[in-house]
Every structure is written in C-alpha cells, then in structure tokens.
C-alpha atoms as a PDB file:
ATOM      1  CA  MET A   1     -48.955 -96.219   0.626  1.00  0.00           C
ATOM      2  CA  ALA A   2     -45.984 -95.583   2.919  1.00  0.00           C
ATOM      3  CA  PRO A   3     -44.208 -92.385   1.849  1.00  0.00           C
ATOM      4  CA  ASP A   4     -42.220 -92.241   5.071  1.00  0.00           C
ATOM      5  CA  LEU A   5     -40.463 -95.504   4.164  1.00  0.00           C
ATOM      6  CA  GLY A   6     -38.782 -93.952   1.112  1.00  0.00           C
ATOM      7  CA  ARG A   7     -37.689 -90.945   3.142  1.00  0.00           C
ATOM      8  CA  MET A   8     -36.294 -93.209   5.879  1.00  0.00           C
ATOM      9  CA  ILE A   9     -34.336 -95.260   3.345  1.00  0.00           C
ATOM     10  CA  VAL A  10     -32.813 -92.171   1.749  1.00  0.00           C
ATOM     11  CA  GLU A  11     -32.036 -90.484   5.073  1.00  0.00           C
ATOM     12  CA  HIS A  12     -30.414 -93.572   6.550  1.00  0.00           C
ATOM     13  CA  ALA A  13     -28.652 -95.033   3.502  1.00  0.00           C
ATOM     14  CA  TYR A  14     -27.362 -91.771   2.074  1.00  0.00           C
ATOM     15  CA  GLY A  15     -27.469 -89.394   5.014  1.00  0.00           C
ATOM     16  CA  GLU A  16     -25.896 -91.698   7.568  1.00  0.00           C
ATOM     17  CA  VAL A  17     -24.174 -94.588   5.798  1.00  0.00           C
ATOM     18  CA  PHE A  18     -22.971 -93.332   2.405  1.00  0.00           C
ATOM     19  CA  SER A  19     -21.771 -90.016   3.832  1.00  0.00           C
ATOM     20  CA  ARG A  20     -19.355 -91.658   6.271  1.00  0.00           C
ATOM     21  CA  ASN A  21     -15.615 -91.241   5.906  1.00  0.00           C
ATOM     22  CA  GLY A  22     -13.266 -94.175   5.699  1.00  0.00           C
ATOM     23  CA  ILE A  23     -13.674 -95.548   2.185  1.00  0.00           C
ATOM     24  CA  ASP A  24     -13.957 -93.777  -1.138  1.00  0.00           C
ATOM     25  CA  LEU A  25     -17.193 -93.670  -3.131  1.00  0.00           C
ATOM     26  CA  LYS A  26     -16.030 -96.207  -5.753  1.00  0.00           C
ATOM     27  CA  THR A  27     -15.269 -98.753  -3.050  1.00  0.00           C
ATOM     28  CA  ARG A  28     -18.563 -97.971  -1.355  1.00  0.00           C
ATOM     29  CA  GLU A  29     -20.567 -98.441  -4.564  1.00  0.00           C
ATOM     30  CA  LEU A  30     -18.688-101.602  -5.576  1.00  0.00           C
ATOM     31  CA  SER A  31     -19.315-103.088  -2.145  1.00  0.00           C
ATOM     32  CA  VAL A  32     -23.050-102.435  -2.486  1.00  0.00           C
ATOM     33  CA  CYS A  33     -23.024-104.147  -5.888  1.00  0.00           C
ATOM     34  CA  ALA A  34     -21.210-107.065  -4.253  1.00  0.00           C
ATOM     35  CA  VAL A  35     -23.867-107.349  -1.567  1.00  0.00           C
ATOM     36  CA  LEU A  36     -26.848-107.102  -3.914  1.00  0.00           C
ATOM     37  CA  ALA A  37     -25.559-109.396  -6.672  1.00  0.00           C
ATOM     38  CA  PRO A  38     -25.486-112.761  -4.874  1.00  0.00           C
ATOM     39  CA  ILE A  39     -29.024-112.333  -3.555  1.00  0.00           C
ATOM     40  CA  GLY A  40     -30.220-112.742  -7.130  1.00  0.00           C
ATOM     41  CA  SER A  41     -33.858-111.935  -6.472  1.00  0.00           C
ATOM     42  CA  ALA A  42     -36.369-109.782  -8.303  1.00  0.00           C
ATOM     43  CA  THR A  43     -36.380-107.506  -5.259  1.00  0.00           C
ATOM     44  CA  THR A  44     -32.696-106.657  -5.649  1.00  0.00           C
ATOM     45  CA  GLU A  45     -32.637-106.308  -9.445  1.00  0.00           C
ATOM     46  CA  THR A  46     -33.634-102.622  -9.512  1.00  0.00           C
ATOM     47  CA  PRO A  47     -31.317-101.606  -6.658  1.00  0.00           C
ATOM     48  CA  LEU A  48     -28.460-103.429  -8.437  1.00  0.00           C
ATOM     49  CA  GLN A  49     -29.224-101.557 -11.668  1.00  0.00           C
ATOM     50  CA  VAL A  50     -29.204 -98.262  -9.756  1.00  0.00           C
ATOM     51  CA  ARG A  51     -25.949 -99.061  -7.980  1.00  0.00           C
ATOM     52  CA  ILE A  52     -24.214-100.184 -11.189  1.00  0.00           C
ATOM     53  CA  ASN A  53     -25.170 -96.872 -12.791  1.00  0.00           C
ATOM     54  CA  ALA A  54     -24.037 -94.935  -9.741  1.00  0.00           C
ATOM     55  CA  THR A  55     -20.727 -96.803  -9.841  1.00  0.00           C
ATOM     56  CA  LEU A  56     -20.251 -95.895 -13.501  1.00  0.00           C
ATOM     57  CA  ASN A  57     -21.221 -92.277 -12.805  1.00  0.00           C
ATOM     58  CA  ILE A  58     -18.510 -91.852 -10.184  1.00  0.00           C
ATOM     59  CA  GLY A  59     -15.870 -93.142 -12.564  1.00  0.00           C
ATOM     60  CA  ALA A  60     -15.490 -96.861 -11.887  1.00  0.00           C
ATOM     61  CA  SER A  61     -14.677 -98.791 -15.016  1.00  0.00           C
ATOM     62  CA  ARG A  62     -16.851-101.513 -16.453  1.00  0.00           C
ATOM     63  CA  GLU A  63     -13.963-103.898 -15.901  1.00  0.00           C
ATOM     64  CA  LYS A  64     -13.879-103.129 -12.166  1.00  0.00           C
ATOM     65  CA  ILE A  65     -17.607-103.732 -11.891  1.00  0.00           C
ATOM     66  CA  ILE A  66     -17.410-107.031 -13.768  1.00  0.00           C
ATOM     67  CA  GLU A  67     -14.373-108.192 -11.767  1.00  0.00           C
ATOM     68  CA  THR A  68     -16.177-107.325  -8.534  1.00  0.00           C
ATOM     69  CA  LEU A  69     -19.119-109.458  -9.634  1.00  0.00           C
ATOM     70  CA  VAL A  70     -16.976-112.350 -10.949  1.00  0.00           C
ATOM     71  CA  ASN A  71     -15.086-112.402  -7.661  1.00  0.00           C
ATOM     72  CA  LEU A  72     -18.336-113.319  -5.904  1.00  0.00           C
ATOM     73  CA  ALA A  73     -19.016-116.502  -7.858  1.00  0.00           C
ATOM     74  CA  ALA A  74     -16.864-118.866  -5.825  1.00  0.00           C
ATOM     75  CA  TYR A  75     -18.195-117.517  -2.540  1.00  0.00           C
ATOM     76  CA  SER A  76     -21.856-117.109  -3.298  1.00  0.00           C
ATOM     77  CA  ASP A  77     -23.806-118.485  -6.224  1.00  0.00           C
ATOM     78  CA  TYR A  78     -22.786-118.906  -9.852  1.00  0.00           C
ATOM     79  CA  PRO A  79     -26.315-118.423 -11.275  1.00  0.00           C
ATOM     80  CA  ALA A  80     -26.839-115.254  -9.214  1.00  0.00           C
ATOM     81  CA  THR A  81     -23.451-113.973 -10.369  1.00  0.00           C
ATOM     82  CA  GLN A  82     -24.387-114.664 -13.988  1.00  0.00           C
ATOM     83  CA  GLN A  83     -27.643-112.791 -13.452  1.00  0.00           C
ATOM     84  CA  ALA A  84     -25.774-109.823 -11.954  1.00  0.00           C
ATOM     85  CA  ILE A  85     -23.380-109.751 -14.918  1.00  0.00           C
ATOM     86  CA  ARG A  86     -26.360-109.820 -17.301  1.00  0.00           C
ATOM     87  CA  ILE A  87     -27.843-106.846 -15.428  1.00  0.00           C
ATOM     88  CA  ALA A  88     -24.505-105.028 -15.605  1.00  0.00           C
ATOM     89  CA  ALA A  89     -24.241-105.675 -19.355  1.00  0.00           C
ATOM     90  CA  GLU A  90     -27.740-104.269 -19.865  1.00  0.00           C
ATOM     91  CA  GLU A  91     -26.868-101.160 -17.856  1.00  0.00           C
ATOM     92  CA  PHE A  92     -23.584-100.743 -19.759  1.00  0.00           C
ATOM     93  CA  ALA A  93     -25.503-100.917 -23.041  1.00  0.00           C
ATOM     94  CA  LYS A  94     -27.963 -98.274 -21.833  1.00  0.00           C
ATOM     95  CA  SER A  95     -25.188 -95.923 -20.760  1.00  0.00           C
ATOM     96  CA  ASN A  96     -23.185 -96.412 -23.943  1.00  0.00           C
ATOM     97  CA  PRO A  97     -25.173 -97.933 -26.823  1.00  0.00           C
ATOM     98  CA  PRO A  98     -23.211-100.094 -29.332  1.00  0.00           C
ATOM     99  CA  SER A  99     -23.376 -97.444 -32.090  1.00  0.00           C
ATOM    100  CA  ARG A 100     -21.828 -94.882 -29.742  1.00  0.00           C
ATOM    101  CA  GLN A 101     -19.253 -97.437 -28.542  1.00  0.00           C
ATOM    102  CA  ARG A 102     -18.071 -98.140 -32.106  1.00  0.00           C
ATOM    103  CA  LYS A 103     -17.689 -94.406 -32.744  1.00  0.00           C
ATOM    104  CA  GLU A 104     -15.623 -93.939 -29.563  1.00  0.00           C
ATOM    105  CA  GLU A 105     -13.437 -96.957 -30.378  1.00  0.00           C
ATOM    106  CA  SER A 106     -12.625 -95.553 -33.833  1.00  0.00           C
ATOM    107  CA  GLU A 107     -11.549 -92.166 -32.452  1.00  0.00           C
END
C-alpha cells in the first residue's frame, strides 16, 4: 500500500544512520537490540529477530547478545527482557539447530 515507506526506512536507517563512522557494526547492532528489546511489543518482535540475526552474522557471540539483553532488565522491564531473550533463543536455534550444535561441540 505504501512502497515508498519501505524505501525511506532502508535509505534512512542503512544509508544515513548505519553507515556512519564512530562505532563498529557489532556495537551498532547490539545497541539496536537494546533499544528494541524493552519495548516488548508485537510490532518490534520481527525487527528484533532481524537485528539478532544481523548481530550474529557480523560475528557477535550469543553470550554478548544475551548479556546485552540481561543488562536491560534493571533499567527497563523484566517481562520484556524475558521476551527478548526468548526471541534470541529462537533465533539462535534457527541459526544453529541442536543437532548441529552437538556435532560442533564434539569436534
């Protein structure tokens, strides 16, 4: 219904904001996860999934992602933090299913 909206989001978020110098990509992605997680709404669930995957894809560890999310709990909302950790766990499982994890751990 509004194709220009998607283009505007991509051009602004990635063309102007994410391409800035000053902080590395891992920090940038982790900070976006930290902003989306405490909102805890259905509207932010998909963007949080996308950002968690992007964070993994640029080399951030699962531990860093979880610690970033846990760090929010005292400052935002425990239930929203729990929800964000559940989303992260689901994304971790998709990117590395348990059968593949066991194989990697045994190597």
